[in-house]
Amino acid sequence: MTHVSKFVRSDAFIIDSVMENKINKFDFVAFKNTDESKVLIILNKNEGDLNIKINSIYSNAVNIGIVRVEKYSFKTIVRILNTR
């Protein structure tokens, strides 16, 4: 998991994340680093590619984007927030 450790720091903590439509063989976890950046890791264990719509947990009106996760792979999405 060297790849994940590049983005999820040792002092990060897991944050709430929810899925509206449960897809079999699909897992995810979200982290928040102490610098306020957020990391979402999506694992696709399906035989086909997935297109996943990501919204803010605070408002479905805030569409972060659609991510394509190829079959039998994982994606790492990093969101760096401007804290100014």
PDB file of N, CA and C in Angstrom:
ATOM      1  N   MET A   1       0.811  -1.202   0.000  1.00  0.00           N
ATOM      2  CA  MET A   1       0.000   0.000   0.000  1.00  0.00           C
ATOM      3  C   MET A   1       0.855   1.268   0.000  1.00  0.00           C
ATOM      4  N   THR A   2       1.995   1.200  -0.631  1.00  0.00           N
ATOM      5  CA  THR A   2       2.854   2.376  -0.730  1.00  0.00           C
ATOM      6  C   THR A   2       2.129   3.519  -1.419  1.00  0.00           C
ATOM      7  N   HIS A   3       1.365   3.219  -2.442  1.00  0.00           N
ATOM      8  CA  HIS A   3       0.636   4.255  -3.163  1.00  0.00           C
ATOM      9  C   HIS A   3      -0.279   5.041  -2.226  1.00  0.00           C
ATOM     10  N   VAL A   4      -1.047   4.350  -1.418  1.00  0.00           N
ATOM     11  CA  VAL A   4      -1.999   5.004  -0.517  1.00  0.00           C
ATOM     12  C   VAL A   4      -1.273   5.861   0.508  1.00  0.00           C
ATOM     13  N   SER A   5      -0.144   5.394   1.009  1.00  0.00           N
ATOM     14  CA  SER A   5       0.577   6.144   2.043  1.00  0.00           C
ATOM     15  C   SER A   5       1.152   7.455   1.516  1.00  0.00           C
ATOM     16  N   LYS A   6       1.216   7.628   0.204  1.00  0.00           N
ATOM     17  CA  LYS A   6       1.637   8.914  -0.364  1.00  0.00           C
ATOM     18  C   LYS A   6       0.601   9.998  -0.093  1.00  0.00           C
ATOM     19  N   PHE A   7      -0.659   9.597   0.045  1.00  0.00           N
ATOM     20  CA  PHE A   7      -1.754  10.553   0.172  1.00  0.00           C
ATOM     21  C   PHE A   7      -2.409  10.541   1.550  1.00  0.00           C
ATOM     22  N   VAL A   8      -2.472   9.381   2.180  1.00  0.00           N
ATOM     23  CA  VAL A   8      -3.059   9.256   3.518  1.00  0.00           C
ATOM     24  C   VAL A   8      -1.912   9.266   4.512  1.00  0.00           C
ATOM     25  N   ARG A   9      -1.832  10.334   5.273  1.00  0.00           N
ATOM     26  CA  ARG A   9      -0.724  10.473   6.216  1.00  0.00           C
ATOM     27  C   ARG A   9      -0.974   9.643   7.469  1.00  0.00           C
ATOM     28  N   SER A  10       0.080   9.398   8.213  1.00  0.00           N
ATOM     29  CA  SER A  10      -0.018   8.523   9.391  1.00  0.00           C
ATOM     30  C   SER A  10      -0.946   9.090  10.461  1.00  0.00           C
ATOM     31  N   ASP A  11      -1.147  10.411  10.482  1.00  0.00           N
ATOM     32  CA  ASP A  11      -2.024  11.022  11.484  1.00  0.00           C
ATOM     33  C   ASP A  11      -3.427  11.310  10.929  1.00  0.00           C
ATOM     34  N   ALA A  12      -3.737  10.788   9.757  1.00  0.00           N
ATOM     35  CA  ALA A  12      -5.069  10.970   9.167  1.00  0.00           C
ATOM     36  C   ALA A  12      -6.089  10.126   9.914  1.00  0.00           C
ATOM     37  N   PHE A  13      -7.351  10.506   9.770  1.00  0.00           N
ATOM     38  CA  PHE A  13      -8.407   9.708  10.381  1.00  0.00           C
ATOM     39  C   PHE A  13      -9.513   9.462   9.363  1.00  0.00           C
ATOM     40  N   ILE A  14     -10.223   8.365   9.561  1.00  0.00           N
ATOM     41  CA  ILE A  14     -11.324   8.001   8.671  1.00  0.00           C
ATOM     42  C   ILE A  14     -12.496   8.943   8.917  1.00  0.00           C
ATOM     43  N   ILE A  15     -13.113   9.403   7.838  1.00  0.00           N
ATOM     44  CA  ILE A  15     -14.280  10.275   7.956  1.00  0.00           C
ATOM     45  C   ILE A  15     -15.501   9.556   7.385  1.00  0.00           C
ATOM     46  N   ASP A  16     -16.671  10.042   7.774  1.00  0.00           N
ATOM     47  CA  ASP A  16     -17.922   9.446   7.302  1.00  0.00           C
ATOM     48  C   ASP A  16     -18.028   9.556   5.788  1.00  0.00           C
ATOM     49  N   SER A  17     -18.479   8.503   5.186  1.00  0.00           N
ATOM     50  CA  SER A  17     -18.784   8.499   3.758  1.00  0.00           C
ATOM     51  C   SER A  17     -19.938   7.526   3.560  1.00  0.00           C
ATOM     52  N   VAL A  18     -20.827   7.876   2.666  1.00  0.00           N
ATOM     53  CA  VAL A  18     -22.015   7.055   2.448  1.00  0.00           C
ATOM     54  C   VAL A  18     -22.175   6.767   0.960  1.00  0.00           C
ATOM     55  N   MET A  19     -22.885   5.689   0.662  1.00  0.00           N
ATOM     56  CA  MET A  19     -23.168   5.313  -0.708  1.00  0.00           C
ATOM     57  C   MET A  19     -24.676   5.178  -0.851  1.00  0.00           C
ATOM     58  N   GLU A  20     -25.234   5.878  -1.822  1.00  0.00           N
ATOM     59  CA  GLU A  20     -26.681   5.821  -2.024  1.00  0.00           C
ATOM     60  C   GLU A  20     -27.111   4.511  -2.671  1.00  0.00           C
ATOM     61  N   ASN A  21     -26.411   4.077  -3.683  1.00  0.00           N
ATOM     62  CA  ASN A  21     -26.770   2.862  -4.418  1.00  0.00           C
ATOM     63  C   ASN A  21     -25.669   1.835  -4.235  1.00  0.00           C
ATOM     64  N   LYS A  22     -25.935   0.828  -3.436  1.00  0.00           N
ATOM     65  CA  LYS A  22     -24.928  -0.195  -3.148  1.00  0.00           C
ATOM     66  C   LYS A  22     -24.694  -1.069  -4.373  1.00  0.00           C
ATOM     67  N   ILE A  23     -23.440  -1.160  -4.767  1.00  0.00           N
ATOM     68  CA  ILE A  23     -23.032  -2.009  -5.881  1.00  0.00           C
ATOM     69  C   ILE A  23     -22.212  -3.149  -5.303  1.00  0.00           C
ATOM     70  N   ASN A  24     -22.518  -4.362  -5.708  1.00  0.00           N
ATOM     71  CA  ASN A  24     -21.750  -5.506  -5.221  1.00  0.00           C
ATOM     72  C   ASN A  24     -20.291  -5.392  -5.637  1.00  0.00           C
ATOM     73  N   LYS A  25     -19.423  -5.914  -4.793  1.00  0.00           N
ATOM     74  CA  LYS A  25     -17.987  -5.948  -5.070  1.00  0.00           C
ATOM     75  C   LYS A  25     -17.405  -4.559  -5.279  1.00  0.00           C
ATOM     76  N   PHE A  26     -17.851  -3.610  -4.490  1.00  0.00           N
ATOM     77  CA  PHE A  26     -17.402  -2.228  -4.592  1.00  0.00           C
ATOM     78  C   PHE A  26     -17.206  -1.701  -3.174  1.00  0.00           C
ATOM     79  N   ASP A  27     -16.001  -1.269  -2.851  1.00  0.00           N
ATOM     80  CA  ASP A  27     -15.702  -0.767  -1.507  1.00  0.00           C
ATOM     81  C   ASP A  27     -15.068   0.610  -1.603  1.00  0.00           C
ATOM     82  N   PHE A  28     -15.155   1.364  -0.518  1.00  0.00           N
ATOM     83  CA  PHE A  28     -14.525   2.681  -0.480  1.00  0.00           C
ATOM     84  C   PHE A  28     -14.273   3.085   0.959  1.00  0.00           C
ATOM     85  N   VAL A  29     -13.337   4.005   1.131  1.00  0.00           N
ATOM     86  CA  VAL A  29     -13.049   4.573   2.440  1.00  0.00           C
ATOM     87  C   VAL A  29     -12.524   5.988   2.215  1.00  0.00           C
ATOM     88  N   ALA A  30     -12.857   6.897   3.131  1.00  0.00           N
ATOM     89  CA  ALA A  30     -12.422   8.286   3.024  1.00  0.00           C
ATOM     90  C   ALA A  30     -11.624   8.672   4.261  1.00  0.00           C
ATOM     91  N   PHE A  31     -10.610   9.487   4.045  1.00  0.00           N
ATOM     92  CA  PHE A  31      -9.735   9.950   5.121  1.00  0.00           C
ATOM     93  C   PHE A  31      -9.633  11.467   5.093  1.00  0.00           C
ATOM     94  N   LYS A  32      -9.330  12.046   6.246  1.00  0.00           N
ATOM     95  CA  LYS A  32      -9.029  13.472   6.340  1.00  0.00           C
ATOM     96  C   LYS A  32      -7.660  13.607   6.983  1.00  0.00           C
ATOM     97  N   ASN A  33      -6.758  14.300   6.285  1.00  0.00           N
ATOM     98  CA  ASN A  33      -5.427  14.566   6.818  1.00  0.00           C
ATOM     99  C   ASN A  33      -5.460  15.805   7.702  1.00  0.00           C
ATOM    100  N   THR A  34      -4.443  15.990   8.504  1.00  0.00           N
ATOM    101  CA  THR A  34      -4.408  17.143   9.410  1.00  0.00           C
ATOM    102  C   THR A  34      -4.285  18.464   8.667  1.00  0.00           C
ATOM    103  N   ASP A  35      -3.860  18.448   7.396  1.00  0.00           N
ATOM    104  CA  ASP A  35      -3.807  19.684   6.603  1.00  0.00           C
ATOM    105  C   ASP A  35      -5.153  19.986   5.938  1.00  0.00           C
ATOM    106  N   GLU A  36      -6.204  19.243   6.329  1.00  0.00           N
ATOM    107  CA  GLU A  36      -7.579  19.385   5.839  1.00  0.00           C
ATOM    108  C   GLU A  36      -7.804  18.749   4.468  1.00  0.00           C
ATOM    109  N   SER A  37      -6.779  18.207   3.825  1.00  0.00           N
ATOM    110  CA  SER A  37      -7.003  17.510   2.559  1.00  0.00           C
ATOM    111  C   SER A  37      -7.773  16.221   2.829  1.00  0.00           C
ATOM    112  N   LYS A  38      -8.542  15.809   1.839  1.00  0.00           N
ATOM    113  CA  LYS A  38      -9.354  14.596   1.977  1.00  0.00           C
ATOM    114  C   LYS A  38      -8.973  13.616   0.876  1.00  0.00           C
ATOM    115  N   VAL A  39      -8.996  12.344   1.219  1.00  0.00           N
ATOM    116  CA  VAL A  39      -8.612  11.290   0.288  1.00  0.00           C
ATOM    117  C   VAL A  39      -9.722  10.248   0.263  1.00  0.00           C
ATOM    118  N   LEU A  40     -10.164   9.912  -0.931  1.00  0.00           N
ATOM    119  CA  LEU A  40     -11.171   8.876  -1.122  1.00  0.00           C
ATOM    120  C   LEU A  40     -10.535   7.754  -1.927  1.00  0.00           C
ATOM    121  N   ILE A  41     -10.623   6.543  -1.411  1.00  0.00           N
ATOM    122  CA  ILE A  41     -10.089   5.375  -2.104  1.00  0.00           C
ATOM    123  C   ILE A  41     -11.264   4.482  -2.484  1.00  0.00           C
ATOM    124  N   ILE A  42     -11.356   4.163  -3.770  1.00  0.00           N
ATOM    125  CA  ILE A  42     -12.449   3.354  -4.301  1.00  0.00           C
ATOM    126  C   ILE A  42     -11.859   2.073  -4.878  1.00  0.00           C
ATOM    127  N   LEU A  43     -12.408   0.940  -4.479  1.00  0.00           N
ATOM    128  CA  LEU A  43     -11.957  -0.362  -4.962  1.00  0.00           C
ATOM    129  C   LEU A  43     -13.083  -1.020  -5.758  1.00  0.00           C
ATOM    130  N   ASN A  44     -12.818  -1.315  -7.013  1.00  0.00           N
ATOM    131  CA  ASN A  44     -13.790  -1.970  -7.886  1.00  0.00           C
ATOM    132  C   ASN A  44     -13.392  -3.433  -8.045  1.00  0.00           C
ATOM    133  N   LYS A  45     -14.180  -4.328  -7.465  1.00  0.00           N
ATOM    134  CA  LYS A  45     -13.922  -5.764  -7.579  1.00  0.00           C
ATOM    135  C   LYS A  45     -14.845  -6.418  -8.609  1.00  0.00           C
ATOM    136  N   ASN A  46     -15.501  -5.594  -9.419  1.00  0.00           N
ATOM    137  CA  ASN A  46     -16.429  -6.089 -10.433  1.00  0.00           C
ATOM    138  C   ASN A  46     -15.700  -6.507 -11.702  1.00  0.00           C
ATOM    139  N   GLU A  47     -16.417  -7.239 -12.546  1.00  0.00           N
ATOM    140  CA  GLU A  47     -15.879  -7.671 -13.835  1.00  0.00           C
ATOM    141  C   GLU A  47     -15.986  -6.587 -14.902  1.00  0.00           C
ATOM    142  N   GLY A  48     -16.608  -5.470 -14.556  1.00  0.00           N
ATOM    143  CA  GLY A  48     -16.753  -4.369 -15.505  1.00  0.00           C
ATOM    144  C   GLY A  48     -16.348  -3.048 -14.885  1.00  0.00           C
ATOM    145  N   ASP A  49     -16.103  -2.054 -15.742  1.00  0.00           N
ATOM    146  CA  ASP A  49     -15.756  -0.715 -15.280  1.00  0.00           C
ATOM    147  C   ASP A  49     -16.970  -0.054 -14.625  1.00  0.00           C
ATOM    148  N   LEU A  50     -16.712   0.888 -13.722  1.00  0.00           N
ATOM    149  CA  LEU A  50     -17.775   1.634 -13.046  1.00  0.00           C
ATOM    150  C   LEU A  50     -17.571   3.128 -13.246  1.00  0.00           C
ATOM    151  N   ASN A  51     -18.661   3.863 -13.416  1.00  0.00           N
ATOM    152  CA  ASN A  51     -18.646   5.320 -13.375  1.00  0.00           C
ATOM    153  C   ASN A  51     -19.343   5.714 -12.088  1.00  0.00           C
ATOM    154  N   ILE A  52     -18.631   6.414 -11.222  1.00  0.00           N
ATOM    155  CA  ILE A  52     -19.149   6.735  -9.894  1.00  0.00           C
ATOM    156  C   ILE A  52     -19.253   8.246  -9.743  1.00  0.00           C
ATOM    157  N   LYS A  53     -20.444   8.722  -9.391  1.00  0.00           N
ATOM    158  CA  LYS A  53     -20.673  10.146  -9.149  1.00  0.00           C
ATOM    159  C   LYS A  53     -20.351  10.446  -7.692  1.00  0.00           C
ATOM    160  N   ILE A  54     -19.532  11.450  -7.476  1.00  0.00           N
ATOM    161  CA  ILE A  54     -19.122  11.815  -6.120  1.00  0.00           C
ATOM    162  C   ILE A  54     -19.707  13.181  -5.780  1.00  0.00           C
ATOM    163  N   ASN A  55     -20.442  13.236  -4.679  1.00  0.00           N
ATOM    164  CA  ASN A  55     -21.015  14.478  -4.170  1.00  0.00           C
ATOM    165  C   ASN A  55     -20.414  14.787  -2.817  1.00  0.00           C
ATOM    166  N   SER A  56     -20.555  16.024  -2.408  1.00  0.00           N
ATOM    167  CA  SER A  56     -20.153  16.405  -1.060  1.00  0.00           C
ATOM    168  C   SER A  56     -21.056  15.706  -0.055  1.00  0.00           C
ATOM    169  N   ILE A  57     -20.491  15.263   1.039  1.00  0.00           N
ATOM    170  CA  ILE A  57     -21.296  14.616   2.082  1.00  0.00           C
ATOM    171  C   ILE A  57     -22.234  15.628   2.748  1.00  0.00           C
ATOM    172  N   TYR A  58     -21.903  16.918   2.638  1.00  0.00           N
ATOM    173  CA  TYR A  58     -22.709  17.951   3.276  1.00  0.00           C
ATOM    174  C   TYR A  58     -23.883  18.388   2.413  1.00  0.00           C
ATOM    175  N   SER A  59     -23.774  18.171   1.083  1.00  0.00           N
ATOM    176  CA  SER A  59     -24.857  18.589   0.206  1.00  0.00           C
ATOM    177  C   SER A  59     -24.763  17.831  -1.109  1.00  0.00           C
ATOM    178  N   ASN A  60     -25.842  17.143  -1.486  1.00  0.00           N
ATOM    179  CA  ASN A  60     -25.855  16.468  -2.782  1.00  0.00           C
ATOM    180  C   ASN A  60     -25.823  17.466  -3.925  1.00  0.00           C
ATOM    181  N   ALA A  61     -26.104  18.741  -3.632  1.00  0.00           N
ATOM    182  CA  ALA A  61     -26.067  19.769  -4.660  1.00  0.00           C
ATOM    183  C   ALA A  61     -24.636  20.093  -5.083  1.00  0.00           C
ATOM    184  N   VAL A  62     -23.652  19.719  -4.270  1.00  0.00           N
ATOM    185  CA  VAL A  62     -22.248  19.976  -4.593  1.00  0.00           C
ATOM    186  C   VAL A  62     -21.688  18.726  -5.265  1.00  0.00           C
ATOM    187  N   ASN A  63     -21.661  18.751  -6.588  1.00  0.00           N
ATOM    188  CA  ASN A  63     -21.170  17.619  -7.366  1.00  0.00           C
ATOM    189  C   ASN A  63     -19.667  17.765  -7.546  1.00  0.00           C
ATOM    190  N   ILE A  64     -18.912  16.846  -6.978  1.00  0.00           N
ATOM    191  CA  ILE A  64     -17.458  16.887  -7.098  1.00  0.00           C
ATOM    192  C   ILE A  64     -17.028  16.349  -8.454  1.00  0.00           C
ATOM    193  N   GLY A  65     -17.735  15.373  -8.981  1.00  0.00           N
ATOM    194  CA  GLY A  65     -17.413  14.859 -10.308  1.00  0.00           C
ATOM    195  C   GLY A  65     -17.754  13.393 -10.462  1.00  0.00           C
ATOM    196  N   ILE A  66     -17.522  12.902 -11.659  1.00  0.00           N
ATOM    197  CA  ILE A  66     -17.728  11.487 -11.963  1.00  0.00           C
ATOM    198  C   ILE A  66     -16.366  10.855 -12.201  1.00  0.00           C
ATOM    199  N   VAL A  67     -16.142   9.728 -11.556  1.00  0.00           N
ATOM    200  CA  VAL A  67     -14.861   9.036 -11.635  1.00  0.00           C
ATOM    201  C   VAL A  67     -15.083   7.672 -12.272  1.00  0.00           C
ATOM    202  N   ARG A  68     -14.250   7.341 -13.216  1.00  0.00           N
ATOM    203  CA  ARG A  68     -14.296   6.008 -13.836  1.00  0.00           C
ATOM    204  C   ARG A  68     -13.279   5.123 -13.131  1.00  0.00           C
ATOM    205  N   VAL A  69     -13.759   3.978 -12.633  1.00  0.00           N
ATOM    206  CA  VAL A  69     -12.891   3.008 -11.962  1.00  0.00           C
ATOM    207  C   VAL A  69     -12.922   1.732 -12.800  1.00  0.00           C
ATOM    208  N   GLU A  70     -11.783   1.399 -13.376  1.00  0.00           N
ATOM    209  CA  GLU A  70     -11.695   0.233 -14.243  1.00  0.00           C
ATOM    210  C   GLU A  70     -11.899  -1.047 -13.437  1.00  0.00           C
ATOM    211  N   LYS A  71     -12.302  -2.111 -14.127  1.00  0.00           N
ATOM    212  CA  LYS A  71     -12.546  -3.397 -13.462  1.00  0.00           C
ATOM    213  C   LYS A  71     -11.293  -3.859 -12.725  1.00  0.00           C
ATOM    214  N   TYR A  72     -11.514  -4.467 -11.582  1.00  0.00           N
ATOM    215  CA  TYR A  72     -10.449  -5.035 -10.742  1.00  0.00           C
ATOM    216  C   TYR A  72      -9.332  -4.031 -10.453  1.00  0.00           C
ATOM    217  N   SER A  73      -9.688  -2.800 -10.130  1.00  0.00           N
ATOM    218  CA  SER A  73      -8.675  -1.784  -9.835  1.00  0.00           C
ATOM    219  C   SER A  73      -9.169  -0.867  -8.724  1.00  0.00           C
ATOM    220  N   PHE A  74      -8.301   0.054  -8.314  1.00  0.00           N
ATOM    221  CA  PHE A  74      -8.724   1.054  -7.344  1.00  0.00           C
ATOM    222  C   PHE A  74      -8.304   2.426  -7.815  1.00  0.00           C
ATOM    223  N   LYS A  75      -9.017   3.444  -7.333  1.00  0.00           N
ATOM    224  CA  LYS A  75      -8.725   4.841  -7.632  1.00  0.00           C
ATOM    225  C   LYS A  75      -8.520   5.573  -6.332  1.00  0.00           C
ATOM    226  N   THR A  76      -7.625   6.535  -6.369  1.00  0.00           N
ATOM    227  CA  THR A  76      -7.394   7.417  -5.238  1.00  0.00           C
ATOM    228  C   THR A  76      -7.738   8.827  -5.682  1.00  0.00           C
ATOM    229  N   ILE A  77      -8.656   9.469  -4.978  1.00  0.00           N
ATOM    230  CA  ILE A  77      -9.048  10.840  -5.277  1.00  0.00           C
ATOM    231  C   ILE A  77      -8.607  11.695  -4.105  1.00  0.00           C
ATOM    232  N   VAL A  78      -7.828  12.736  -4.398  1.00  0.00           N
ATOM    233  CA  VAL A  78      -7.335  13.637  -3.358  1.00  0.00           C
ATOM    234  C   VAL A  78      -7.979  14.989  -3.587  1.00  0.00           C
ATOM    235  N   ARG A  79      -8.555  15.544  -2.539  1.00  0.00           N
ATOM    236  CA  ARG A  79      -9.172  16.867  -2.617  1.00  0.00           C
ATOM    237  C   ARG A  79      -8.450  17.773  -1.642  1.00  0.00           C
ATOM    238  N   ILE A  80      -7.781  18.777  -2.186  1.00  0.00           N
ATOM    239  CA  ILE A  80      -7.064  19.740  -1.362  1.00  0.00           C
ATOM    240  C   ILE A  80      -7.924  20.986  -1.278  1.00  0.00           C
ATOM    241  N   LEU A  81      -8.259  21.356  -0.059  1.00  0.00           N
ATOM    242  CA  LEU A  81      -9.129  22.510   0.153  1.00  0.00           C
ATOM    243  C   LEU A  81      -8.298  23.750   0.413  1.00  0.00           C
ATOM    244  N   ASN A  82      -8.716  24.863  -0.163  1.00  0.00           N
ATOM    245  CA  ASN A  82      -8.064  26.139   0.100  1.00  0.00           C
ATOM    246  C   ASN A  82      -8.610  26.663   1.418  1.00  0.00           C
ATOM    247  N   THR A  83      -7.758  26.785   2.418  1.00  0.00           N
ATOM    248  CA  THR A  83      -8.213  27.186   3.754  1.00  0.00           C
ATOM    249  C   THR A  83      -8.081  28.677   3.996  1.00  0.00           C
ATOM    250  N   ARG A  84      -7.758  29.455   2.972  1.00  0.00           N
ATOM    251  CA  ARG A  84      -7.613  30.904   3.145  1.00  0.00           C
ATOM    252  C   ARG A  84      -8.934  31.603   3.170  1.00  0.00           C
TER     253      ARG A  84
END
